[in-house]
């Protein structure tokens, strides 16, 4: 599966699809600006390691996420393949930039809670749909594939536990705008395996089957890998992950890194589940990026395998 394939389809030679978010979600919270050439090499190495989908960047205003101010330069630096990598857009202005560069796949990022919508999107819970509707409509009219993220699916640092029916209502509205896939995010990493099953059951009951859903776990409480396993047992086959466990959330200080791609690949290898990922190449890539960032990887598998090399 090429990096430009629809995120809602599954290739025959993979049992699961890993949606790599390291270059965007992973790097966006880094305080030191990573050189654009290093970002391009990171993406190129991830693709070479067999990651079928690598989200490259976000066309958000540089004021809010300075790390991604070089989004257009990065896409151009990646050459013809640059436009095939998914990009996150916050609104129509972001879409305009993506269209100018010929991007083929984009993602929108909604909130399941009122407080996070106001802090992250500068809109109310209901107003976010009015913002996303023309963005998605224009993108679809231009032939772009659209993925919808929903954040704070299990808990919110300001509001606490988020009711399942609220998450489902918001998620379904986002998906129904015209997305091909809905990614369910545990933005602050508080979810547990029982909650994962309950939320997925609720989405299924609302008409969204497992094959249009993806999961996006953070590891704040050390539950990300267990939650991914629970989602896989339920029937989910697309998993967001970040090489080396990079990441956090600039608008939620309690959020720590994403589920490490290497840890996910190691788990699936043990289950006999094909990911199509060359784990050695991926570990080497995360070890290299750790050197660029000047800090060790938080991935347990990277630490184990790099240390034994």
C-alpha atoms as a PDB file:
ATOM      1  CA  UNK A   1       0.000   0.000   0.000  1.00  0.00           C
ATOM      2  CA  UNK A   2       1.487   3.297  -1.012  1.00  0.00           C
ATOM      3  CA  UNK A   3       1.528   6.287   1.293  1.00  0.00           C
ATOM      4  CA  UNK A   4      -1.117   7.804  -0.892  1.00  0.00           C
ATOM      5  CA  UNK A   5      -3.648   4.965  -0.675  1.00  0.00           C
ATOM      6  CA  UNK A   6      -7.002   5.522   0.960  1.00  0.00           C
ATOM      7  CA  UNK A   7      -6.799   5.067   4.707  1.00  0.00           C
ATOM      8  CA  UNK A   8     -10.061   3.134   4.658  1.00  0.00           C
ATOM      9  CA  UNK A   9      -8.743   0.248   2.553  1.00  0.00           C
ATOM     10  CA  UNK A  10      -6.565  -2.684   3.484  1.00  0.00           C
ATOM     11  CA  UNK A  11      -3.838  -4.203   1.304  1.00  0.00           C
ATOM     12  CA  UNK A  12      -3.823  -7.938   0.777  1.00  0.00           C
ATOM     13  CA  UNK A  13      -0.289  -8.435   2.118  1.00  0.00           C
ATOM     14  CA  UNK A  14      -1.045  -6.804   5.476  1.00  0.00           C
ATOM     15  CA  UNK A  15      -3.356  -7.982   8.214  1.00  0.00           C
ATOM     16  CA  UNK A  16      -3.359  -4.527   9.821  1.00  0.00           C
ATOM     17  CA  UNK A  17      -2.483  -1.029   8.651  1.00  0.00           C
ATOM     18  CA  UNK A  18      -0.287   1.213  10.766  1.00  0.00           C
ATOM     19  CA  UNK A  19      -0.970   4.898  10.209  1.00  0.00           C
ATOM     20  CA  UNK A  20       2.321   6.568  11.140  1.00  0.00           C
ATOM     21  CA  UNK A  21       1.890   9.974  12.796  1.00  0.00           C
ATOM     22  CA  UNK A  22       5.431  10.603  14.038  1.00  0.00           C
ATOM     23  CA  UNK A  23       6.402  13.387  11.612  1.00  0.00           C
ATOM     24  CA  UNK A  24       3.266  15.391  12.444  1.00  0.00           C
ATOM     25  CA  UNK A  25       1.791  14.435  15.812  1.00  0.00           C
ATOM     26  CA  UNK A  26       5.117  13.193  17.092  1.00  0.00           C
ATOM     27  CA  UNK A  27       7.226  16.239  16.298  1.00  0.00           C
ATOM     28  CA  UNK A  28       4.653  19.004  16.789  1.00  0.00           C
ATOM     29  CA  UNK A  29       5.243  19.215  20.534  1.00  0.00           C
ATOM     30  CA  UNK A  30       9.041  19.350  20.346  1.00  0.00           C
ATOM     31  CA  UNK A  31      10.303  22.696  21.638  1.00  0.00           C
ATOM     32  CA  UNK A  32      13.439  22.754  19.508  1.00  0.00           C
ATOM     33  CA  UNK A  33      12.737  23.295  15.815  1.00  0.00           C
ATOM     34  CA  UNK A  34      13.733  20.238  13.805  1.00  0.00           C
ATOM     35  CA  UNK A  35      15.387  21.165  10.468  1.00  0.00           C
ATOM     36  CA  UNK A  36      13.108  20.591   7.500  1.00  0.00           C
ATOM     37  CA  UNK A  37      15.748  18.391   5.845  1.00  0.00           C
ATOM     38  CA  UNK A  38      15.700  16.105   8.883  1.00  0.00           C
ATOM     39  CA  UNK A  39      11.915  15.919   8.746  1.00  0.00           C
ATOM     40  CA  UNK A  40      12.071  14.946   5.077  1.00  0.00           C
ATOM     41  CA  UNK A  41      14.654  12.265   5.809  1.00  0.00           C
ATOM     42  CA  UNK A  42      12.523  10.992   8.699  1.00  0.00           C
ATOM     43  CA  UNK A  43       9.535  10.543   6.405  1.00  0.00           C
ATOM     44  CA  UNK A  44      11.618   8.959   3.653  1.00  0.00           C
ATOM     45  CA  UNK A  45      13.128   6.469   6.109  1.00  0.00           C
ATOM     46  CA  UNK A  46       9.716   5.587   7.567  1.00  0.00           C
ATOM     47  CA  UNK A  47       8.359   4.842   4.097  1.00  0.00           C
ATOM     48  CA  UNK A  48      11.444   2.753   3.315  1.00  0.00           C
ATOM     49  CA  UNK A  49      10.842   0.780   6.538  1.00  0.00           C
ATOM     50  CA  UNK A  50       7.467  -0.289   5.167  1.00  0.00           C
ATOM     51  CA  UNK A  51       5.061   2.117   6.856  1.00  0.00           C
ATOM     52  CA  UNK A  52       2.184   2.276   4.355  1.00  0.00           C
ATOM     53  CA  UNK A  53       0.816   5.652   5.484  1.00  0.00           C
ATOM     54  CA  UNK A  54       2.974   8.460   6.895  1.00  0.00           C
ATOM     55  CA  UNK A  55       1.228  11.666   7.910  1.00  0.00           C
ATOM     56  CA  UNK A  56       3.663  14.401   7.002  1.00  0.00           C
ATOM     57  CA  UNK A  57       2.653  17.690   8.591  1.00  0.00           C
ATOM     58  CA  UNK A  58      -0.144  20.153   9.319  1.00  0.00           C
ATOM     59  CA  UNK A  59      -1.133  23.410   7.637  1.00  0.00           C
ATOM     60  CA  UNK A  60      -1.910  25.069  10.943  1.00  0.00           C
ATOM     61  CA  UNK A  61      -0.961  28.690  11.574  1.00  0.00           C
ATOM     62  CA  UNK A  62       2.714  28.880  12.665  1.00  0.00           C
ATOM     63  CA  UNK A  63       1.664  30.972  15.675  1.00  0.00           C
ATOM     64  CA  UNK A  64      -0.041  27.938  17.174  1.00  0.00           C
ATOM     65  CA  UNK A  65       2.428  25.194  16.197  1.00  0.00           C
ATOM     66  CA  UNK A  66       5.796  26.770  15.280  1.00  0.00           C
ATOM     67  CA  UNK A  67       7.331  23.341  14.679  1.00  0.00           C
ATOM     68  CA  UNK A  68       5.177  22.888  11.566  1.00  0.00           C
ATOM     69  CA  UNK A  69       5.719  26.328  10.052  1.00  0.00           C
ATOM     70  CA  UNK A  70       7.738  24.672   7.280  1.00  0.00           C
ATOM     71  CA  UNK A  71       4.826  22.504   6.066  1.00  0.00           C
ATOM     72  CA  UNK A  72       4.833  23.749   2.469  1.00  0.00           C
ATOM     73  CA  UNK A  73       8.625  23.569   2.229  1.00  0.00           C
ATOM     74  CA  UNK A  74       8.556  20.010   3.559  1.00  0.00           C
ATOM     75  CA  UNK A  75       5.981  18.815   1.029  1.00  0.00           C
ATOM     76  CA  UNK A  76       7.987  20.348  -1.801  1.00  0.00           C
ATOM     77  CA  UNK A  77      11.242  18.884  -0.463  1.00  0.00           C
ATOM     78  CA  UNK A  78       9.709  15.400  -0.571  1.00  0.00           C
ATOM     79  CA  UNK A  79       9.299  15.721  -4.327  1.00  0.00           C
ATOM     80  CA  UNK A  80       6.479  14.086  -6.308  1.00  0.00           C
ATOM     81  CA  UNK A  81       5.653  11.710  -3.456  1.00  0.00           C
ATOM     82  CA  UNK A  82       5.156  14.603  -1.050  1.00  0.00           C
ATOM     83  CA  UNK A  83       1.603  15.240  -2.142  1.00  0.00           C
ATOM     84  CA  UNK A  84       0.665  11.609  -1.408  1.00  0.00           C
ATOM     85  CA  UNK A  85       1.305  11.926   2.317  1.00  0.00           C
ATOM     86  CA  UNK A  86      -1.705  12.892   4.432  1.00  0.00           C
ATOM     87  CA  UNK A  87      -1.662  16.399   5.920  1.00  0.00           C
ATOM     88  CA  UNK A  88      -3.753  17.832   8.725  1.00  0.00           C
ATOM     89  CA  UNK A  89      -5.750  20.977   7.964  1.00  0.00           C
ATOM     90  CA  UNK A  90      -7.588  23.009  10.632  1.00  0.00           C
ATOM     91  CA  UNK A  91      -9.900  24.959   8.319  1.00  0.00           C
ATOM     92  CA  UNK A  92     -10.422  26.247   4.778  1.00  0.00           C
ATOM     93  CA  UNK A  93      -7.264  28.365   4.891  1.00  0.00           C
ATOM     94  CA  UNK A  94      -5.271  25.237   5.608  1.00  0.00           C
ATOM     95  CA  UNK A  95      -7.112  23.452   2.811  1.00  0.00           C
ATOM     96  CA  UNK A  96      -6.188  26.237   0.388  1.00  0.00           C
ATOM     97  CA  UNK A  97      -2.508  25.638   1.125  1.00  0.00           C
ATOM     98  CA  UNK A  98      -2.885  21.883   0.712  1.00  0.00           C
ATOM     99  CA  UNK A  99      -4.672  22.304  -2.600  1.00  0.00           C
ATOM    100  CA  UNK A 100      -2.000  24.680  -3.890  1.00  0.00           C
ATOM    101  CA  UNK A 101       0.601  21.970  -3.296  1.00  0.00           C
ATOM    102  CA  UNK A 102      -1.505  19.241  -4.888  1.00  0.00           C
ATOM    103  CA  UNK A 103      -1.964  17.212  -1.686  1.00  0.00           C
ATOM    104  CA  UNK A 104      -4.206  14.203  -2.183  1.00  0.00           C
ATOM    105  CA  UNK A 105      -5.076  13.194   1.387  1.00  0.00           C
ATOM    106  CA  UNK A 106      -6.004  15.354   4.313  1.00  0.00           C
ATOM    107  CA  UNK A 107      -7.251  15.017   7.862  1.00  0.00           C
ATOM    108  CA  UNK A 108      -9.432  17.182  10.061  1.00  0.00           C
ATOM    109  CA  UNK A 109      -9.145  17.204  13.831  1.00  0.00           C
ATOM    110  CA  UNK A 110     -12.322  17.586  15.909  1.00  0.00           C
ATOM    111  CA  UNK A 111     -13.022  17.492  19.625  1.00  0.00           C
ATOM    112  CA  UNK A 112     -15.423  15.380  21.663  1.00  0.00           C
ATOM    113  CA  UNK A 113     -15.562  18.014  24.407  1.00  0.00           C
ATOM    114  CA  UNK A 114     -16.558  21.654  24.675  1.00  0.00           C
ATOM    115  CA  UNK A 115     -13.470  22.834  26.559  1.00  0.00           C
ATOM    116  CA  UNK A 116     -10.941  21.254  24.216  1.00  0.00           C
ATOM    117  CA  UNK A 117     -12.852  22.548  21.194  1.00  0.00           C
ATOM    118  CA  UNK A 118     -12.510  26.074  22.550  1.00  0.00           C
ATOM    119  CA  UNK A 119      -8.840  25.695  23.477  1.00  0.00           C
ATOM    120  CA  UNK A 120      -7.716  23.802  20.382  1.00  0.00           C
ATOM    121  CA  UNK A 121     -10.128  24.996  17.680  1.00  0.00           C
ATOM    122  CA  UNK A 122     -11.275  28.347  19.082  1.00  0.00           C
ATOM    123  CA  UNK A 123     -14.868  27.230  18.580  1.00  0.00           C
ATOM    124  CA  UNK A 124     -17.669  25.601  20.523  1.00  0.00           C
ATOM    125  CA  UNK A 125     -18.485  21.908  20.264  1.00  0.00           C
ATOM    126  CA  UNK A 126     -21.245  22.652  17.766  1.00  0.00           C
ATOM    127  CA  UNK A 127     -19.418  25.405  15.889  1.00  0.00           C
ATOM    128  CA  UNK A 128     -16.625  23.040  14.879  1.00  0.00           C
ATOM    129  CA  UNK A 129     -18.942  21.274  12.431  1.00  0.00           C
ATOM    130  CA  UNK A 130     -19.757  24.524  10.656  1.00  0.00           C
ATOM    131  CA  UNK A 131     -16.011  25.087  10.292  1.00  0.00           C
ATOM    132  CA  UNK A 132     -15.275  21.589   8.995  1.00  0.00           C
ATOM    133  CA  UNK A 133     -18.265  21.174   6.655  1.00  0.00           C
ATOM    134  CA  UNK A 134     -17.063  23.475   3.831  1.00  0.00           C
ATOM    135  CA  UNK A 135     -13.497  22.236   4.276  1.00  0.00           C
ATOM    136  CA  UNK A 136     -14.497  18.613   3.769  1.00  0.00           C
ATOM    137  CA  UNK A 137     -16.964  19.430   0.993  1.00  0.00           C
ATOM    138  CA  UNK A 138     -14.344  21.331  -0.995  1.00  0.00           C
ATOM    139  CA  UNK A 139     -11.721  18.652  -0.393  1.00  0.00           C
ATOM    140  CA  UNK A 140     -14.040  15.890  -1.577  1.00  0.00           C
ATOM    141  CA  UNK A 141     -15.037  17.946  -4.617  1.00  0.00           C
ATOM    142  CA  UNK A 142     -11.334  18.228  -5.451  1.00  0.00           C
ATOM    143  CA  UNK A 143     -10.997  14.444  -5.294  1.00  0.00           C
ATOM    144  CA  UNK A 144      -9.148  14.357  -1.952  1.00  0.00           C
ATOM    145  CA  UNK A 145      -9.490  11.571   0.587  1.00  0.00           C
ATOM    146  CA  UNK A 146     -10.476  12.869   4.031  1.00  0.00           C
ATOM    147  CA  UNK A 147      -9.805  11.345   7.427  1.00  0.00           C
ATOM    148  CA  UNK A 148     -11.464  12.679  10.591  1.00  0.00           C
ATOM    149  CA  UNK A 149      -9.790  12.591  13.994  1.00  0.00           C
ATOM    150  CA  UNK A 150     -11.798  12.962  17.167  1.00  0.00           C
ATOM    151  CA  UNK A 151      -9.847  13.890  20.292  1.00  0.00           C
ATOM    152  CA  UNK A 152     -10.613  13.405  24.003  1.00  0.00           C
ATOM    153  CA  UNK A 153     -12.606  10.206  23.407  1.00  0.00           C
ATOM    154  CA  UNK A 154     -11.926   8.773  26.869  1.00  0.00           C
ATOM    155  CA  UNK A 155     -11.159  11.726  29.077  1.00  0.00           C
ATOM    156  CA  UNK A 156     -10.551  15.471  29.071  1.00  0.00           C
ATOM    157  CA  UNK A 157      -8.101  17.238  31.440  1.00  0.00           C
ATOM    158  CA  UNK A 158     -10.678  19.945  32.189  1.00  0.00           C
ATOM    159  CA  UNK A 159     -13.967  18.023  32.026  1.00  0.00           C
ATOM    160  CA  UNK A 160     -12.921  14.583  33.266  1.00  0.00           C
ATOM    161  CA  UNK A 161     -14.562  11.450  31.905  1.00  0.00           C
ATOM    162  CA  UNK A 162     -16.373  11.965  28.598  1.00  0.00           C
ATOM    163  CA  UNK A 163     -19.777  10.261  28.168  1.00  0.00           C
ATOM    164  CA  UNK A 164     -19.723   7.558  25.501  1.00  0.00           C
ATOM    165  CA  UNK A 165     -22.891   8.848  23.846  1.00  0.00           C
ATOM    166  CA  UNK A 166     -21.322  12.310  23.516  1.00  0.00           C
ATOM    167  CA  UNK A 167     -18.210  10.879  21.854  1.00  0.00           C
ATOM    168  CA  UNK A 168     -20.308   8.827  19.442  1.00  0.00           C
ATOM    169  CA  UNK A 169     -22.561  11.760  18.540  1.00  0.00           C
ATOM    170  CA  UNK A 170     -19.596  14.019  17.768  1.00  0.00           C
ATOM    171  CA  UNK A 171     -17.660  11.301  15.965  1.00  0.00           C
ATOM    172  CA  UNK A 172     -20.590  10.326  13.773  1.00  0.00           C
ATOM    173  CA  UNK A 173     -21.219  13.956  12.796  1.00  0.00           C
ATOM    174  CA  UNK A 174     -17.568  14.353  11.818  1.00  0.00           C
ATOM    175  CA  UNK A 175     -17.561  11.122   9.826  1.00  0.00           C
ATOM    176  CA  UNK A 176     -20.821  11.948   8.091  1.00  0.00           C
ATOM    177  CA  UNK A 177     -19.345  15.163   6.695  1.00  0.00           C
ATOM    178  CA  UNK A 178     -17.675  12.920   4.113  1.00  0.00           C
ATOM    179  CA  UNK A 179     -14.712  11.211   5.750  1.00  0.00           C
ATOM    180  CA  UNK A 180     -13.478   7.774   4.711  1.00  0.00           C
ATOM    181  CA  UNK A 181     -12.242   6.945   8.203  1.00  0.00           C
ATOM    182  CA  UNK A 182     -12.704   8.127  11.793  1.00  0.00           C
ATOM    183  CA  UNK A 183      -9.738   7.900  14.169  1.00  0.00           C
ATOM    184  CA  UNK A 184     -10.696   7.706  17.856  1.00  0.00           C
ATOM    185  CA  UNK A 185      -8.129   9.475  20.024  1.00  0.00           C
ATOM    186  CA  UNK A 186      -7.270   8.918  23.671  1.00  0.00           C
ATOM    187  CA  UNK A 187      -5.531  12.278  23.737  1.00  0.00           C
ATOM    188  CA  UNK A 188      -4.460  12.212  27.395  1.00  0.00           C
ATOM    189  CA  UNK A 189      -3.954   8.457  27.634  1.00  0.00           C
ATOM    190  CA  UNK A 190      -6.494   7.657  30.356  1.00  0.00           C
ATOM    191  CA  UNK A 191      -8.451   4.943  28.538  1.00  0.00           C
ATOM    192  CA  UNK A 192      -8.531   1.287  29.579  1.00  0.00           C
ATOM    193  CA  UNK A 193      -9.330  -1.892  27.683  1.00  0.00           C
ATOM    194  CA  UNK A 194     -12.892  -2.124  28.963  1.00  0.00           C
ATOM    195  CA  UNK A 195     -13.579   1.433  27.871  1.00  0.00           C
ATOM    196  CA  UNK A 196     -12.129   0.708  24.436  1.00  0.00           C
ATOM    197  CA  UNK A 197     -14.532  -2.165  23.894  1.00  0.00           C
ATOM    198  CA  UNK A 198     -17.509  -0.175  25.175  1.00  0.00           C
ATOM    199  CA  UNK A 199     -16.765   2.795  22.907  1.00  0.00           C
ATOM    200  CA  UNK A 200     -16.259   0.621  19.831  1.00  0.00           C
ATOM    201  CA  UNK A 201     -19.493  -1.237  20.566  1.00  0.00           C
ATOM    202  CA  UNK A 202     -21.309   2.099  20.787  1.00  0.00           C
ATOM    203  CA  UNK A 203     -19.922   3.277  17.461  1.00  0.00           C
ATOM    204  CA  UNK A 204     -20.901  -0.018  15.842  1.00  0.00           C
ATOM    205  CA  UNK A 205     -24.428   0.356  17.227  1.00  0.00           C
ATOM    206  CA  UNK A 206     -24.556   3.876  15.736  1.00  0.00           C
ATOM    207  CA  UNK A 207     -23.796   2.503  12.278  1.00  0.00           C
ATOM    208  CA  UNK A 208     -20.009   2.866  12.076  1.00  0.00           C
ATOM    209  CA  UNK A 209     -18.427  -0.583  11.633  1.00  0.00           C
ATOM    210  CA  UNK A 210     -14.897  -1.420  12.682  1.00  0.00           C
ATOM    211  CA  UNK A 211     -13.599  -1.173   9.115  1.00  0.00           C
ATOM    212  CA  UNK A 212     -14.134   2.609   9.005  1.00  0.00           C
ATOM    213  CA  UNK A 213     -12.683   3.183  12.469  1.00  0.00           C
ATOM    214  CA  UNK A 214      -9.076   3.604  13.607  1.00  0.00           C
ATOM    215  CA  UNK A 215      -7.624   4.046  17.087  1.00  0.00           C
ATOM    216  CA  UNK A 216      -5.084   6.571  18.346  1.00  0.00           C
ATOM    217  CA  UNK A 217      -3.717   5.881  21.824  1.00  0.00           C
ATOM    218  CA  UNK A 218      -1.383   7.843  24.068  1.00  0.00           C
ATOM    219  CA  UNK A 219       0.624   6.079  26.765  1.00  0.00           C
ATOM    220  CA  UNK A 220       0.291   8.402  29.761  1.00  0.00           C
ATOM    221  CA  UNK A 221      -0.818   5.561  32.070  1.00  0.00           C
ATOM    222  CA  UNK A 222       1.022   2.795  30.227  1.00  0.00           C
ATOM    223  CA  UNK A 223      -2.184   1.445  28.690  1.00  0.00           C
ATOM    224  CA  UNK A 224      -1.680   2.230  24.993  1.00  0.00           C
ATOM    225  CA  UNK A 225      -0.452  -1.193  23.886  1.00  0.00           C
ATOM    226  CA  UNK A 226      -3.093  -3.050  25.912  1.00  0.00           C
ATOM    227  CA  UNK A 227      -5.744  -0.776  24.442  1.00  0.00           C
ATOM    228  CA  UNK A 228      -4.474  -1.460  20.933  1.00  0.00           C
ATOM    229  CA  UNK A 229      -4.722  -5.190  21.603  1.00  0.00           C
ATOM    230  CA  UNK A 230      -8.285  -4.782  22.862  1.00  0.00           C
ATOM    231  CA  UNK A 231      -9.164  -2.808  19.732  1.00  0.00           C
ATOM    232  CA  UNK A 232      -7.587  -5.479  17.519  1.00  0.00           C
ATOM    233  CA  UNK A 233      -9.564  -8.197  19.281  1.00  0.00           C
ATOM    234  CA  UNK A 234     -12.700  -6.161  18.682  1.00  0.00           C
ATOM    235  CA  UNK A 235     -11.999  -5.992  14.949  1.00  0.00           C
ATOM    236  CA  UNK A 236     -10.114  -2.724  14.400  1.00  0.00           C
ATOM    237  CA  UNK A 237      -7.477  -3.052  11.701  1.00  0.00           C
ATOM    238  CA  UNK A 238      -6.039   0.483  11.426  1.00  0.00           C
ATOM    239  CA  UNK A 239      -3.814   1.741  14.237  1.00  0.00           C
ATOM    240  CA  UNK A 240      -2.228   5.147  14.629  1.00  0.00           C
ATOM    241  CA  UNK A 241       1.266   5.068  16.100  1.00  0.00           C
ATOM    242  CA  UNK A 242       4.370   7.225  16.304  1.00  0.00           C
ATOM    243  CA  UNK A 243       7.914   6.033  15.624  1.00  0.00           C
ATOM    244  CA  UNK A 244       9.892   5.968  18.836  1.00  0.00           C
ATOM    245  CA  UNK A 245       6.814   6.960  20.848  1.00  0.00           C
ATOM    246  CA  UNK A 246       7.258  10.617  19.912  1.00  0.00           C
ATOM    247  CA  UNK A 247       4.514  13.038  20.708  1.00  0.00           C
ATOM    248  CA  UNK A 248       2.198  14.704  23.140  1.00  0.00           C
ATOM    249  CA  UNK A 249      -0.323  17.465  22.648  1.00  0.00           C
ATOM    250  CA  UNK A 250       0.487  21.190  22.703  1.00  0.00           C
ATOM    251  CA  UNK A 251      -3.009  21.937  24.055  1.00  0.00           C
ATOM    252  CA  UNK A 252      -3.141  19.216  26.736  1.00  0.00           C
ATOM    253  CA  UNK A 253      -0.099  19.305  28.993  1.00  0.00           C
ATOM    254  CA  UNK A 254      -0.926  16.014  30.704  1.00  0.00           C
ATOM    255  CA  UNK A 255      -0.655  14.108  27.432  1.00  0.00           C
ATOM    256  CA  UNK A 256       2.543  12.133  26.938  1.00  0.00           C
ATOM    257  CA  UNK A 257       3.784  10.312  23.897  1.00  0.00           C
ATOM    258  CA  UNK A 258       1.848   8.309  21.376  1.00  0.00           C
ATOM    259  CA  UNK A 259       1.856   4.545  21.229  1.00  0.00           C
ATOM    260  CA  UNK A 260       5.293   3.661  19.858  1.00  0.00           C
ATOM    261  CA  UNK A 261       5.160   2.123  16.394  1.00  0.00           C
ATOM    262  CA  UNK A 262       7.924  -0.328  17.278  1.00  0.00           C
ATOM    263  CA  UNK A 263       6.053  -1.602  20.336  1.00  0.00           C
ATOM    264  CA  UNK A 264       2.924  -2.115  18.234  1.00  0.00           C
ATOM    265  CA  UNK A 265       4.860  -3.942  15.511  1.00  0.00           C
ATOM    266  CA  UNK A 266       6.533  -6.178  18.115  1.00  0.00           C
ATOM    267  CA  UNK A 267       3.148  -7.099  19.614  1.00  0.00           C
ATOM    268  CA  UNK A 268       1.656  -7.927  16.239  1.00  0.00           C
ATOM    269  CA  UNK A 269       4.725  -9.955  15.278  1.00  0.00           C
ATOM    270  CA  UNK A 270       4.152 -12.087  18.368  1.00  0.00           C
ATOM    271  CA  UNK A 271       0.514 -12.573  17.378  1.00  0.00           C
ATOM    272  CA  UNK A 272       1.467 -13.620  13.849  1.00  0.00           C
ATOM    273  CA  UNK A 273      -0.227 -10.501  12.468  1.00  0.00           C
ATOM    274  CA  UNK A 274       1.452  -9.061   9.361  1.00  0.00           C
ATOM    275  CA  UNK A 275       2.208  -5.321   9.425  1.00  0.00           C
ATOM    276  CA  UNK A 276       4.549  -5.132   6.426  1.00  0.00           C
ATOM    277  CA  UNK A 277       7.022  -3.158   8.545  1.00  0.00           C
ATOM    278  CA  UNK A 278      10.758  -3.876   8.717  1.00  0.00           C
ATOM    279  CA  UNK A 279      11.273  -3.569  12.463  1.00  0.00           C
ATOM    280  CA  UNK A 280      15.064  -3.306  12.285  1.00  0.00           C
ATOM    281  CA  UNK A 281      14.853  -0.434   9.792  1.00  0.00           C
ATOM    282  CA  UNK A 282      12.213   1.265  11.919  1.00  0.00           C
ATOM    283  CA  UNK A 283      14.306   0.966  15.094  1.00  0.00           C
ATOM    284  CA  UNK A 284      17.296   2.390  13.241  1.00  0.00           C
ATOM    285  CA  UNK A 285      15.143   5.296  12.075  1.00  0.00           C
ATOM    286  CA  UNK A 286      13.869   6.072  15.577  1.00  0.00           C
ATOM    287  CA  UNK A 287      17.376   5.799  16.994  1.00  0.00           C
ATOM    288  CA  UNK A 288      18.548   8.271  14.362  1.00  0.00           C
ATOM    289  CA  UNK A 289      15.705  10.678  15.140  1.00  0.00           C
ATOM    290  CA  UNK A 290      16.462  10.407  18.851  1.00  0.00           C
ATOM    291  CA  UNK A 291      19.946  11.626  17.987  1.00  0.00           C
ATOM    292  CA  UNK A 292      18.500  14.548  16.013  1.00  0.00           C
ATOM    293  CA  UNK A 293      16.320  15.494  18.980  1.00  0.00           C
ATOM    294  CA  UNK A 294      19.085  14.936  21.517  1.00  0.00           C
ATOM    295  CA  UNK A 295      17.075  12.637  23.765  1.00  0.00           C
ATOM    296  CA  UNK A 296      16.508   8.872  23.968  1.00  0.00           C
ATOM    297  CA  UNK A 297      13.474   7.156  22.514  1.00  0.00           C
ATOM    298  CA  UNK A 298      10.749   6.228  24.999  1.00  0.00           C
ATOM    299  CA  UNK A 299       9.876   3.090  23.034  1.00  0.00           C
ATOM    300  CA  UNK A 300      10.689  -0.020  25.055  1.00  0.00           C
ATOM    301  CA  UNK A 301      11.347  -2.006  21.883  1.00  0.00           C
ATOM    302  CA  UNK A 302      13.702   0.644  20.490  1.00  0.00           C
ATOM    303  CA  UNK A 303      15.573   0.681  23.795  1.00  0.00           C
ATOM    304  CA  UNK A 304      15.823  -3.116  23.866  1.00  0.00           C
ATOM    305  CA  UNK A 305      16.793  -3.692  20.239  1.00  0.00           C
ATOM    306  CA  UNK A 306      19.089  -0.691  19.841  1.00  0.00           C
ATOM    307  CA  UNK A 307      20.857  -1.653  23.050  1.00  0.00           C
ATOM    308  CA  UNK A 308      21.426  -5.216  21.855  1.00  0.00           C
ATOM    309  CA  UNK A 309      22.663  -4.214  18.402  1.00  0.00           C
END
